[in-house]
Amino acid sequence: MLQIEIIGLERTQRELDPKIFKKATLAALNKTGKQALTAADKAMRQTYTLKKKDITKAVKFRKANYSTMTAYIVAKGSRFPVIAFQAKQTTKGVTVKIKRAGGKKLIRHAFKATMKSGHTGVYQRVGKPRLPLKPELRTISVPQTLTSEKILDVINKAIDDNLQKNFNSAVLYYMNKVKK
């Protein structure tokens, strides 16, 4: 779990009206969480050959509320099928490109096949005979990519860069709103 501290928070809390403080904190948490999610999404797409729609479907942002005062980035989902990563059939197997940096990886003795249902996937045989087949080959999942060290560093940087600024901005906004 990630914990972030706002500098001078205790002093600000003593000096501000409790309602303004709570509203400003809530607004800052939610805005910063959305910014961190956007930064993580961008970093995942720059690192892996994932589509934006796949990431958007798997990653959700849960806003902070008055009772919990905690915002979450939640990732759910299973591993992607190999076919989703530019799978190409070769004479030696199937090549896939999972990460943008680096070349394609060869999965030896694998093959692309279309099943009776119309689903196309990448499979491997279990033994010498034609059947049985291993279940469809799968690779990484969005939760795995989100918790990689590089992506977590991007999330931490986005939070460090924006939380204090968003909090200060929200405090000024709510203080000006009360004056009117």
N, C-alpha and C. Protein backbone atom coordinates (compact mmCIF):
# COMPACT_ATOMS: atom_id res chain seq x y z
N MET A 1 0.84 -1.18 0.00
CA MET A 1 0.00 0.00 0.00
C MET A 1 0.89 1.23 0.00
N LEU A 2 0.46 2.23 -0.71
CA LEU A 2 1.20 3.46 -0.89
C LEU A 2 0.69 4.52 0.07
N GLN A 3 1.58 5.17 0.81
CA GLN A 3 1.17 6.24 1.72
C GLN A 3 1.89 7.52 1.33
N ILE A 4 1.11 8.59 1.25
CA ILE A 4 1.65 9.89 0.86
C ILE A 4 1.36 10.88 1.97
N GLU A 5 2.32 11.77 2.23
CA GLU A 5 2.16 12.77 3.28
C GLU A 5 2.20 14.16 2.67
N ILE A 6 1.25 15.00 3.05
CA ILE A 6 1.24 16.39 2.59
C ILE A 6 1.99 17.22 3.62
N ILE A 7 2.97 18.00 3.15
CA ILE A 7 3.81 18.81 4.04
C ILE A 7 2.97 19.92 4.67
N GLY A 8 3.09 20.07 5.98
CA GLY A 8 2.39 21.12 6.70
C GLY A 8 0.90 20.86 6.88
N LEU A 9 0.50 19.62 6.79
CA LEU A 9 -0.92 19.26 6.85
C LEU A 9 -1.52 19.55 8.23
N GLU A 10 -0.79 19.23 9.30
CA GLU A 10 -1.32 19.44 10.65
C GLU A 10 -1.56 20.93 10.93
N ARG A 11 -0.59 21.75 10.53
CA ARG A 11 -0.73 23.19 10.75
C ARG A 11 -1.91 23.74 9.94
N THR A 12 -2.04 23.31 8.70
CA THR A 12 -3.14 23.74 7.84
C THR A 12 -4.47 23.31 8.44
N GLN A 13 -4.51 22.12 8.98
CA GLN A 13 -5.74 21.60 9.58
C GLN A 13 -6.16 22.45 10.79
N ARG A 14 -5.20 22.88 11.59
CA ARG A 14 -5.51 23.71 12.76
C ARG A 14 -6.01 25.09 12.35
N GLU A 15 -5.44 25.63 11.27
CA GLU A 15 -5.76 26.99 10.86
C GLU A 15 -7.04 27.12 10.03
N LEU A 16 -7.44 26.04 9.39
CA LEU A 16 -8.61 26.09 8.50
C LEU A 16 -9.89 25.64 9.19
N ASP A 17 -10.99 26.10 8.64
CA ASP A 17 -12.30 25.61 9.04
C ASP A 17 -12.33 24.10 8.71
N PRO A 18 -12.79 23.24 9.62
CA PRO A 18 -12.79 21.79 9.37
C PRO A 18 -13.53 21.37 8.09
N LYS A 19 -14.61 22.07 7.75
CA LYS A 19 -15.35 21.73 6.53
C LYS A 19 -14.52 22.02 5.29
N ILE A 20 -13.87 23.17 5.27
CA ILE A 20 -13.03 23.53 4.13
C ILE A 20 -11.86 22.56 4.02
N PHE A 21 -11.27 22.23 5.15
CA PHE A 21 -10.13 21.31 5.15
C PHE A 21 -10.53 19.95 4.57
N LYS A 22 -11.67 19.45 5.01
CA LYS A 22 -12.10 18.12 4.56
C LYS A 22 -12.46 18.14 3.07
N LYS A 23 -13.15 19.20 2.63
CA LYS A 23 -13.51 19.31 1.20
C LYS A 23 -12.26 19.43 0.34
N ALA A 24 -11.31 20.23 0.78
CA ALA A 24 -10.08 20.44 0.01
C ALA A 24 -9.26 19.15 -0.05
N THR A 25 -9.18 18.44 1.05
CA THR A 25 -8.44 17.17 1.08
C THR A 25 -9.09 16.16 0.14
N LEU A 26 -10.40 16.09 0.20
CA LEU A 26 -11.13 15.16 -0.66
C LEU A 26 -10.93 15.50 -2.14
N ALA A 27 -11.05 16.77 -2.48
CA ALA A 27 -10.87 17.20 -3.87
C ALA A 27 -9.45 16.92 -4.35
N ALA A 28 -8.46 17.18 -3.49
CA ALA A 28 -7.06 16.95 -3.86
C ALA A 28 -6.78 15.46 -4.06
N LEU A 29 -7.30 14.63 -3.17
CA LEU A 29 -7.11 13.17 -3.31
C LEU A 29 -7.70 12.66 -4.61
N ASN A 30 -8.91 13.09 -4.91
CA ASN A 30 -9.58 12.58 -6.11
C ASN A 30 -8.91 13.08 -7.39
N LYS A 31 -8.54 14.34 -7.41
CA LYS A 31 -7.88 14.88 -8.61
C LYS A 31 -6.51 14.25 -8.81
N THR A 32 -5.76 14.09 -7.73
CA THR A 32 -4.43 13.49 -7.81
C THR A 32 -4.53 12.02 -8.21
N GLY A 33 -5.52 11.32 -7.68
CA GLY A 33 -5.72 9.91 -8.06
C GLY A 33 -6.00 9.76 -9.53
N LYS A 34 -6.84 10.63 -10.07
CA LYS A 34 -7.14 10.59 -11.52
C LYS A 34 -5.88 10.88 -12.33
N GLN A 35 -5.07 11.84 -11.88
CA GLN A 35 -3.83 12.17 -12.58
C GLN A 35 -2.85 11.00 -12.53
N ALA A 36 -2.79 10.32 -11.39
CA ALA A 36 -1.91 9.16 -11.26
C ALA A 36 -2.38 8.02 -12.17
N LEU A 37 -3.69 7.83 -12.25
CA LEU A 37 -4.25 6.80 -13.13
C LEU A 37 -3.92 7.10 -14.59
N THR A 38 -4.04 8.35 -14.99
CA THR A 38 -3.71 8.74 -16.36
C THR A 38 -2.23 8.50 -16.65
N ALA A 39 -1.37 8.86 -15.71
CA ALA A 39 0.07 8.65 -15.88
C ALA A 39 0.40 7.15 -15.98
N ALA A 40 -0.26 6.34 -15.15
CA ALA A 40 -0.03 4.90 -15.17
C ALA A 40 -0.50 4.30 -16.49
N ASP A 41 -1.66 4.73 -16.96
CA ASP A 41 -2.21 4.25 -18.23
C ASP A 41 -1.23 4.54 -19.37
N LYS A 42 -0.73 5.76 -19.39
CA LYS A 42 0.21 6.17 -20.44
C LYS A 42 1.51 5.36 -20.36
N ALA A 43 2.02 5.17 -19.15
CA ALA A 43 3.26 4.41 -18.97
C ALA A 43 3.09 2.95 -19.36
N MET A 44 1.92 2.36 -19.04
CA MET A 44 1.68 0.96 -19.41
C MET A 44 1.64 0.80 -20.93
N ARG A 45 1.02 1.77 -21.61
CA ARG A 45 0.94 1.68 -23.07
C ARG A 45 2.29 1.96 -23.73
N GLN A 46 3.15 2.75 -23.07
CA GLN A 46 4.49 2.99 -23.61
C GLN A 46 5.41 1.79 -23.39
N THR A 47 5.17 1.03 -22.32
CA THR A 47 6.03 -0.11 -21.99
C THR A 47 5.57 -1.39 -22.68
N TYR A 48 4.27 -1.65 -22.65
CA TYR A 48 3.72 -2.89 -23.20
C TYR A 48 2.87 -2.59 -24.44
N THR A 49 2.67 -3.57 -25.29
CA THR A 49 1.86 -3.37 -26.48
C THR A 49 0.38 -3.64 -26.17
N LEU A 50 -0.10 -3.00 -25.13
CA LEU A 50 -1.50 -3.14 -24.73
C LEU A 50 -2.33 -2.04 -25.39
N LYS A 51 -3.58 -2.34 -25.60
CA LYS A 51 -4.50 -1.35 -26.16
C LYS A 51 -5.13 -0.56 -25.01
N LYS A 52 -5.43 0.71 -25.28
CA LYS A 52 -6.02 1.58 -24.28
C LYS A 52 -7.34 1.02 -23.76
N LYS A 53 -8.15 0.46 -24.64
CA LYS A 53 -9.46 -0.06 -24.22
C LYS A 53 -9.30 -1.22 -23.24
N ASP A 54 -8.27 -2.04 -23.42
CA ASP A 54 -8.04 -3.15 -22.50
C ASP A 54 -7.64 -2.65 -21.11
N ILE A 55 -6.82 -1.61 -21.08
CA ILE A 55 -6.41 -1.04 -19.80
C ILE A 55 -7.59 -0.36 -19.12
N THR A 56 -8.34 0.44 -19.90
CA THR A 56 -9.49 1.16 -19.35
C THR A 56 -10.52 0.21 -18.77
N LYS A 57 -10.70 -0.92 -19.43
CA LYS A 57 -11.68 -1.91 -18.96
C LYS A 57 -11.23 -2.57 -17.65
N ALA A 58 -9.92 -2.72 -17.47
CA ALA A 58 -9.41 -3.45 -16.32
C ALA A 58 -9.08 -2.57 -15.11
N VAL A 59 -8.80 -1.30 -15.33
CA VAL A 59 -8.37 -0.42 -14.24
C VAL A 59 -9.46 0.59 -13.93
N LYS A 60 -9.81 0.67 -12.67
CA LYS A 60 -10.86 1.60 -12.22
C LYS A 60 -10.30 2.48 -11.11
N PHE A 61 -10.85 3.67 -11.01
CA PHE A 61 -10.48 4.60 -9.96
C PHE A 61 -11.66 4.71 -9.00
N ARG A 62 -11.41 4.42 -7.73
CA ARG A 62 -12.45 4.57 -6.70
C ARG A 62 -12.16 5.84 -5.94
N LYS A 63 -13.09 6.78 -6.05
CA LYS A 63 -12.92 8.08 -5.43
C LYS A 63 -12.92 7.99 -3.91
N ALA A 64 -12.24 8.95 -3.31
CA ALA A 64 -12.29 9.10 -1.85
C ALA A 64 -13.64 9.71 -1.49
N ASN A 65 -14.14 9.34 -0.30
CA ASN A 65 -15.38 9.96 0.18
C ASN A 65 -15.15 10.45 1.60
N TYR A 66 -16.16 11.14 2.14
CA TYR A 66 -15.99 11.77 3.46
C TYR A 66 -15.74 10.76 4.57
N SER A 67 -16.26 9.57 4.45
CA SER A 67 -16.08 8.60 5.53
C SER A 67 -14.70 7.93 5.49
N THR A 68 -14.20 7.60 4.31
CA THR A 68 -12.92 6.89 4.24
C THR A 68 -11.73 7.80 3.99
N MET A 69 -11.93 8.86 3.21
CA MET A 69 -10.85 9.79 2.85
C MET A 69 -9.67 9.03 2.22
N THR A 70 -9.98 8.02 1.44
CA THR A 70 -8.96 7.21 0.77
C THR A 70 -9.40 6.97 -0.67
N ALA A 71 -8.50 7.22 -1.61
CA ALA A 71 -8.76 6.96 -3.02
C ALA A 71 -7.97 5.72 -3.45
N TYR A 72 -8.53 4.95 -4.38
CA TYR A 72 -7.90 3.70 -4.82
C TYR A 72 -7.81 3.63 -6.33
N ILE A 73 -6.73 3.03 -6.80
CA ILE A 73 -6.64 2.60 -8.20
C ILE A 73 -6.70 1.09 -8.13
N VAL A 74 -7.76 0.52 -8.71
CA VAL A 74 -8.00 -0.92 -8.61
C VAL A 74 -7.89 -1.54 -10.00
N ALA A 75 -7.08 -2.59 -10.11
CA ALA A 75 -6.92 -3.30 -11.38
C ALA A 75 -7.40 -4.73 -11.21
N LYS A 76 -8.27 -5.14 -12.11
CA LYS A 76 -8.76 -6.51 -12.11
C LYS A 76 -8.65 -7.05 -13.53
N GLY A 77 -8.51 -8.34 -13.63
CA GLY A 77 -8.49 -8.93 -14.96
C GLY A 77 -7.59 -10.14 -15.01
N SER A 78 -7.85 -10.95 -16.01
CA SER A 78 -7.04 -12.16 -16.19
C SER A 78 -5.94 -11.89 -17.22
N ARG A 79 -5.11 -12.88 -17.41
CA ARG A 79 -4.00 -12.75 -18.35
C ARG A 79 -4.54 -12.65 -19.78
N PHE A 80 -3.84 -11.87 -20.59
CA PHE A 80 -4.23 -11.70 -21.98
C PHE A 80 -3.80 -12.91 -22.80
N PRO A 81 -4.60 -13.29 -23.79
CA PRO A 81 -4.16 -14.36 -24.69
C PRO A 81 -2.98 -13.87 -25.53
N VAL A 82 -2.10 -14.76 -25.89
CA VAL A 82 -0.91 -14.43 -26.67
C VAL A 82 -1.30 -13.80 -28.01
N ILE A 83 -2.42 -14.18 -28.55
CA ILE A 83 -2.86 -13.68 -29.86
C ILE A 83 -3.03 -12.15 -29.84
N ALA A 84 -3.24 -11.56 -28.67
CA ALA A 84 -3.44 -10.11 -28.55
C ALA A 84 -2.14 -9.32 -28.72
N PHE A 85 -1.01 -9.99 -28.78
CA PHE A 85 0.29 -9.32 -28.84
C PHE A 85 0.98 -9.55 -30.19
N GLN A 86 0.33 -9.16 -31.26
CA GLN A 86 0.90 -9.22 -32.60
C GLN A 86 1.49 -10.61 -32.91
N ALA A 87 0.72 -11.65 -32.66
CA ALA A 87 1.20 -13.02 -32.88
C ALA A 87 1.29 -13.33 -34.38
N LYS A 88 2.44 -13.85 -34.80
CA LYS A 88 2.67 -14.22 -36.19
C LYS A 88 3.18 -15.66 -36.24
N GLN A 89 2.59 -16.45 -37.10
CA GLN A 89 3.01 -17.84 -37.28
C GLN A 89 4.29 -17.88 -38.10
N THR A 90 5.30 -18.63 -37.62
CA THR A 90 6.53 -18.86 -38.37
C THR A 90 6.74 -20.37 -38.49
N THR A 91 7.78 -20.77 -39.19
CA THR A 91 8.04 -22.21 -39.33
C THR A 91 8.49 -22.84 -38.02
N LYS A 92 9.08 -22.05 -37.12
CA LYS A 92 9.58 -22.59 -35.85
C LYS A 92 8.58 -22.46 -34.71
N GLY A 93 7.53 -21.68 -34.90
CA GLY A 93 6.56 -21.46 -33.84
C GLY A 93 5.79 -20.18 -34.08
N VAL A 94 5.52 -19.45 -33.00
CA VAL A 94 4.79 -18.19 -33.08
C VAL A 94 5.64 -17.10 -32.43
N THR A 95 5.75 -15.94 -33.10
CA THR A 95 6.45 -14.82 -32.51
C THR A 95 5.43 -13.82 -31.96
N VAL A 96 5.77 -13.23 -30.81
CA VAL A 96 4.90 -12.23 -30.19
C VAL A 96 5.76 -11.06 -29.71
N LYS A 97 5.14 -9.89 -29.65
CA LYS A 97 5.83 -8.70 -29.15
C LYS A 97 5.01 -8.19 -27.97
N ILE A 98 5.49 -8.46 -26.75
CA ILE A 98 4.77 -8.07 -25.54
C ILE A 98 5.21 -6.69 -25.09
N LYS A 99 6.51 -6.44 -25.08
CA LYS A 99 7.02 -5.12 -24.69
C LYS A 99 7.40 -4.33 -25.94
N ARG A 100 7.18 -3.02 -25.88
CA ARG A 100 7.52 -2.17 -27.03
C ARG A 100 9.03 -2.13 -27.25
N ALA A 101 9.80 -2.06 -26.18
CA ALA A 101 11.25 -2.07 -26.29
C ALA A 101 11.70 -3.51 -26.50
N GLY A 102 12.62 -3.69 -27.37
CA GLY A 102 13.10 -5.05 -27.63
C GLY A 102 12.36 -5.67 -28.80
N GLY A 103 12.80 -6.84 -29.15
CA GLY A 103 12.24 -7.51 -30.32
C GLY A 103 11.13 -8.47 -29.96
N LYS A 104 10.75 -9.22 -30.97
CA LYS A 104 9.70 -10.23 -30.79
C LYS A 104 10.31 -11.47 -30.15
N LYS A 105 9.48 -12.17 -29.39
CA LYS A 105 9.92 -13.41 -28.74
C LYS A 105 9.29 -14.59 -29.47
N LEU A 106 10.06 -15.65 -29.60
CA LEU A 106 9.58 -16.86 -30.27
C LEU A 106 9.06 -17.84 -29.24
N ILE A 107 7.86 -18.35 -29.45
CA ILE A 107 7.32 -19.44 -28.64
C ILE A 107 7.43 -20.68 -29.53
N ARG A 108 8.42 -21.51 -29.21
CA ARG A 108 8.73 -22.67 -30.05
C ARG A 108 7.59 -23.69 -30.00
N HIS A 109 7.36 -24.30 -31.13
CA HIS A 109 6.37 -25.37 -31.30
C HIS A 109 4.94 -24.92 -31.04
N ALA A 110 4.69 -23.62 -31.05
CA ALA A 110 3.33 -23.11 -30.89
C ALA A 110 2.75 -22.86 -32.28
N PHE A 111 1.43 -22.76 -32.36
CA PHE A 111 0.79 -22.49 -33.64
C PHE A 111 -0.50 -21.71 -33.42
N LYS A 112 -0.88 -20.96 -34.44
CA LYS A 112 -2.15 -20.23 -34.42
C LYS A 112 -3.21 -21.15 -35.02
N ALA A 113 -4.37 -21.15 -34.39
CA ALA A 113 -5.46 -21.98 -34.91
C ALA A 113 -6.79 -21.28 -34.65
N THR A 114 -7.73 -21.54 -35.56
CA THR A 114 -9.09 -21.04 -35.39
C THR A 114 -9.96 -22.23 -35.02
N MET A 115 -10.64 -22.13 -33.90
CA MET A 115 -11.50 -23.20 -33.42
C MET A 115 -12.84 -23.20 -34.16
N LYS A 116 -13.64 -24.24 -33.94
CA LYS A 116 -14.95 -24.35 -34.59
C LYS A 116 -15.85 -23.17 -34.23
N SER A 117 -15.65 -22.63 -33.04
CA SER A 117 -16.47 -21.50 -32.59
C SER A 117 -16.10 -20.21 -33.31
N GLY A 118 -14.95 -20.20 -34.02
CA GLY A 118 -14.49 -19.00 -34.71
C GLY A 118 -13.41 -18.26 -33.96
N HIS A 119 -13.11 -18.71 -32.73
CA HIS A 119 -12.08 -18.06 -31.92
C HIS A 119 -10.69 -18.45 -32.42
N THR A 120 -9.84 -17.43 -32.61
CA THR A 120 -8.46 -17.67 -33.02
C THR A 120 -7.56 -17.50 -31.81
N GLY A 121 -6.65 -18.45 -31.61
CA GLY A 121 -5.74 -18.40 -30.48
C GLY A 121 -4.42 -19.04 -30.81
N VAL A 122 -3.50 -18.99 -29.85
CA VAL A 122 -2.19 -19.62 -29.98
C VAL A 122 -2.17 -20.81 -29.03
N TYR A 123 -1.77 -21.97 -29.55
CA TYR A 123 -1.83 -23.21 -28.77
C TYR A 123 -0.52 -23.98 -28.91
N GLN A 124 -0.32 -24.94 -28.01
CA GLN A 124 0.79 -25.88 -28.08
C GLN A 124 0.25 -27.28 -27.82
N ARG A 125 0.92 -28.27 -28.38
CA ARG A 125 0.52 -29.65 -28.13
C ARG A 125 1.14 -30.12 -26.82
N VAL A 126 0.48 -31.09 -26.18
CA VAL A 126 0.97 -31.64 -24.93
C VAL A 126 2.05 -32.69 -25.19
N GLY A 127 1.85 -33.53 -26.19
CA GLY A 127 2.82 -34.58 -26.50
C GLY A 127 3.00 -34.71 -28.00
N LYS A 128 3.42 -35.89 -28.45
CA LYS A 128 3.63 -36.12 -29.87
C LYS A 128 2.32 -36.17 -30.66
N PRO A 129 1.28 -36.82 -30.15
CA PRO A 129 0.06 -36.91 -30.95
C PRO A 129 -0.57 -35.53 -31.19
N ARG A 130 -1.48 -35.47 -32.17
CA ARG A 130 -2.13 -34.20 -32.52
C ARG A 130 -2.93 -33.62 -31.36
N LEU A 131 -3.55 -34.48 -30.62
CA LEU A 131 -4.34 -34.04 -29.47
C LEU A 131 -3.79 -34.74 -28.23
N PRO A 132 -3.88 -34.24 -27.07
CA PRO A 132 -4.57 -33.03 -26.64
C PRO A 132 -3.70 -31.78 -26.81
N LEU A 133 -4.36 -30.62 -26.72
CA LEU A 133 -3.68 -29.33 -26.77
C LEU A 133 -3.64 -28.73 -25.38
N LYS A 134 -2.61 -27.93 -25.13
CA LYS A 134 -2.60 -27.15 -23.90
C LYS A 134 -3.69 -26.08 -24.05
N PRO A 135 -4.22 -25.60 -22.94
CA PRO A 135 -5.18 -24.49 -23.05
C PRO A 135 -4.51 -23.31 -23.77
N GLU A 136 -5.30 -22.41 -24.28
CA GLU A 136 -4.77 -21.27 -25.03
C GLU A 136 -3.66 -20.58 -24.22
N LEU A 137 -2.57 -20.27 -24.89
CA LEU A 137 -1.43 -19.64 -24.22
C LEU A 137 -1.76 -18.20 -23.84
N ARG A 138 -1.36 -17.82 -22.63
CA ARG A 138 -1.64 -16.48 -22.12
C ARG A 138 -0.36 -15.85 -21.60
N THR A 139 -0.38 -14.52 -21.48
CA THR A 139 0.82 -13.80 -21.03
C THR A 139 0.51 -12.99 -19.78
N ILE A 140 0.76 -11.71 -19.82
CA ILE A 140 0.61 -10.82 -18.67
C ILE A 140 -0.83 -10.34 -18.52
N SER A 141 -1.12 -9.79 -17.36
CA SER A 141 -2.43 -9.18 -17.10
C SER A 141 -2.21 -7.71 -16.75
N VAL A 142 -3.28 -6.93 -16.81
CA VAL A 142 -3.18 -5.52 -16.44
C VAL A 142 -2.74 -5.35 -14.99
N PRO A 143 -3.28 -6.13 -14.02
CA PRO A 143 -2.78 -5.98 -12.64
C PRO A 143 -1.27 -6.23 -12.52
N GLN A 144 -0.74 -7.18 -13.30
CA GLN A 144 0.70 -7.43 -13.27
C GLN A 144 1.47 -6.24 -13.81
N THR A 145 0.98 -5.65 -14.88
CA THR A 145 1.69 -4.50 -15.45
C THR A 145 1.61 -3.29 -14.52
N LEU A 146 0.45 -3.10 -13.90
CA LEU A 146 0.26 -1.96 -13.01
C LEU A 146 1.16 -2.03 -11.78
N THR A 147 1.45 -3.23 -11.31
CA THR A 147 2.28 -3.39 -10.12
C THR A 147 3.76 -3.59 -10.44
N SER A 148 4.13 -3.44 -11.71
CA SER A 148 5.55 -3.53 -12.04
C SER A 148 6.27 -2.31 -11.47
N GLU A 149 7.54 -2.45 -11.20
CA GLU A 149 8.31 -1.41 -10.52
C GLU A 149 8.30 -0.10 -11.31
N LYS A 150 8.44 -0.19 -12.62
CA LYS A 150 8.49 1.00 -13.47
C LYS A 150 7.17 1.77 -13.40
N ILE A 151 6.06 1.09 -13.46
CA ILE A 151 4.75 1.73 -13.45
C ILE A 151 4.46 2.32 -12.06
N LEU A 152 4.84 1.60 -10.99
CA LEU A 152 4.66 2.13 -9.64
C LEU A 152 5.48 3.40 -9.42
N ASP A 153 6.68 3.46 -10.02
CA ASP A 153 7.49 4.67 -9.94
C ASP A 153 6.79 5.84 -10.62
N VAL A 154 6.15 5.58 -11.75
CA VAL A 154 5.41 6.62 -12.47
C VAL A 154 4.23 7.11 -11.63
N ILE A 155 3.52 6.19 -10.98
CA ILE A 155 2.39 6.55 -10.13
C ILE A 155 2.88 7.40 -8.94
N ASN A 156 3.95 6.96 -8.29
CA ASN A 156 4.51 7.72 -7.16
C ASN A 156 4.93 9.13 -7.58
N LYS A 157 5.56 9.24 -8.74
CA LYS A 157 6.00 10.54 -9.23
C LYS A 157 4.80 11.44 -9.50
N ALA A 158 3.76 10.90 -10.11
CA ALA A 158 2.55 11.69 -10.40
C ALA A 158 1.91 12.19 -9.10
N ILE A 159 1.88 11.34 -8.09
CA ILE A 159 1.31 11.73 -6.81
C ILE A 159 2.18 12.79 -6.13
N ASP A 160 3.49 12.55 -6.11
CA ASP A 160 4.41 13.52 -5.49
C ASP A 160 4.34 14.88 -6.16
N ASP A 161 4.25 14.89 -7.49
CA ASP A 161 4.22 16.14 -8.24
C ASP A 161 2.91 16.91 -8.07
N ASN A 162 1.81 16.20 -7.89
CA ASN A 162 0.51 16.86 -7.97
C ASN A 162 -0.26 17.03 -6.67
N LEU A 163 -0.04 16.19 -5.69
CA LEU A 163 -0.89 16.21 -4.49
C LEU A 163 -0.81 17.53 -3.74
N GLN A 164 0.38 18.01 -3.46
CA GLN A 164 0.53 19.27 -2.73
C GLN A 164 -0.09 20.42 -3.51
N LYS A 165 0.18 20.46 -4.81
CA LYS A 165 -0.35 21.52 -5.68
C LYS A 165 -1.88 21.48 -5.71
N ASN A 166 -2.44 20.26 -5.86
CA ASN A 166 -3.90 20.12 -5.90
C ASN A 166 -4.54 20.50 -4.56
N PHE A 167 -3.88 20.15 -3.47
CA PHE A 167 -4.41 20.49 -2.15
C PHE A 167 -4.43 22.01 -1.96
N ASN A 168 -3.33 22.66 -2.28
CA ASN A 168 -3.25 24.12 -2.15
C ASN A 168 -4.30 24.81 -3.01
N SER A 169 -4.46 24.32 -4.22
CA SER A 169 -5.45 24.88 -5.14
C SER A 169 -6.87 24.70 -4.60
N ALA A 170 -7.16 23.52 -4.06
CA ALA A 170 -8.49 23.25 -3.51
C ALA A 170 -8.77 24.11 -2.28
N VAL A 171 -7.77 24.30 -1.43
CA VAL A 171 -7.94 25.15 -0.25
C VAL A 171 -8.29 26.57 -0.68
N LEU A 172 -7.54 27.10 -1.64
CA LEU A 172 -7.82 28.45 -2.13
C LEU A 172 -9.22 28.55 -2.74
N TYR A 173 -9.60 27.53 -3.50
CA TYR A 173 -10.91 27.52 -4.13
C TYR A 173 -12.03 27.56 -3.09
N TYR A 174 -11.95 26.70 -2.09
CA TYR A 174 -13.01 26.65 -1.08
C TYR A 174 -12.99 27.86 -0.15
N MET A 175 -11.82 28.43 0.09
CA MET A 175 -11.76 29.65 0.90
C MET A 175 -12.39 30.82 0.15
N ASN A 176 -12.13 30.94 -1.14
CA ASN A 176 -12.73 31.99 -1.96
C ASN A 176 -14.23 31.80 -2.09
N LYS A 177 -14.65 30.55 -2.13
CA LYS A 177 -16.08 30.24 -2.24
C LYS A 177 -16.84 30.68 -0.99
N VAL A 178 -16.20 30.54 0.18
CA VAL A 178 -16.83 30.92 1.45
C VAL A 178 -16.92 32.43 1.57
N LYS A 179 -15.92 33.16 1.05
CA LYS A 179 -15.89 34.61 1.13
C LYS A 179 -17.02 35.25 0.34
N LYS A 180 -17.46 34.62 -0.74
CA LYS A 180 -18.50 35.20 -1.61
C LYS A 180 -19.86 35.12 -1.04
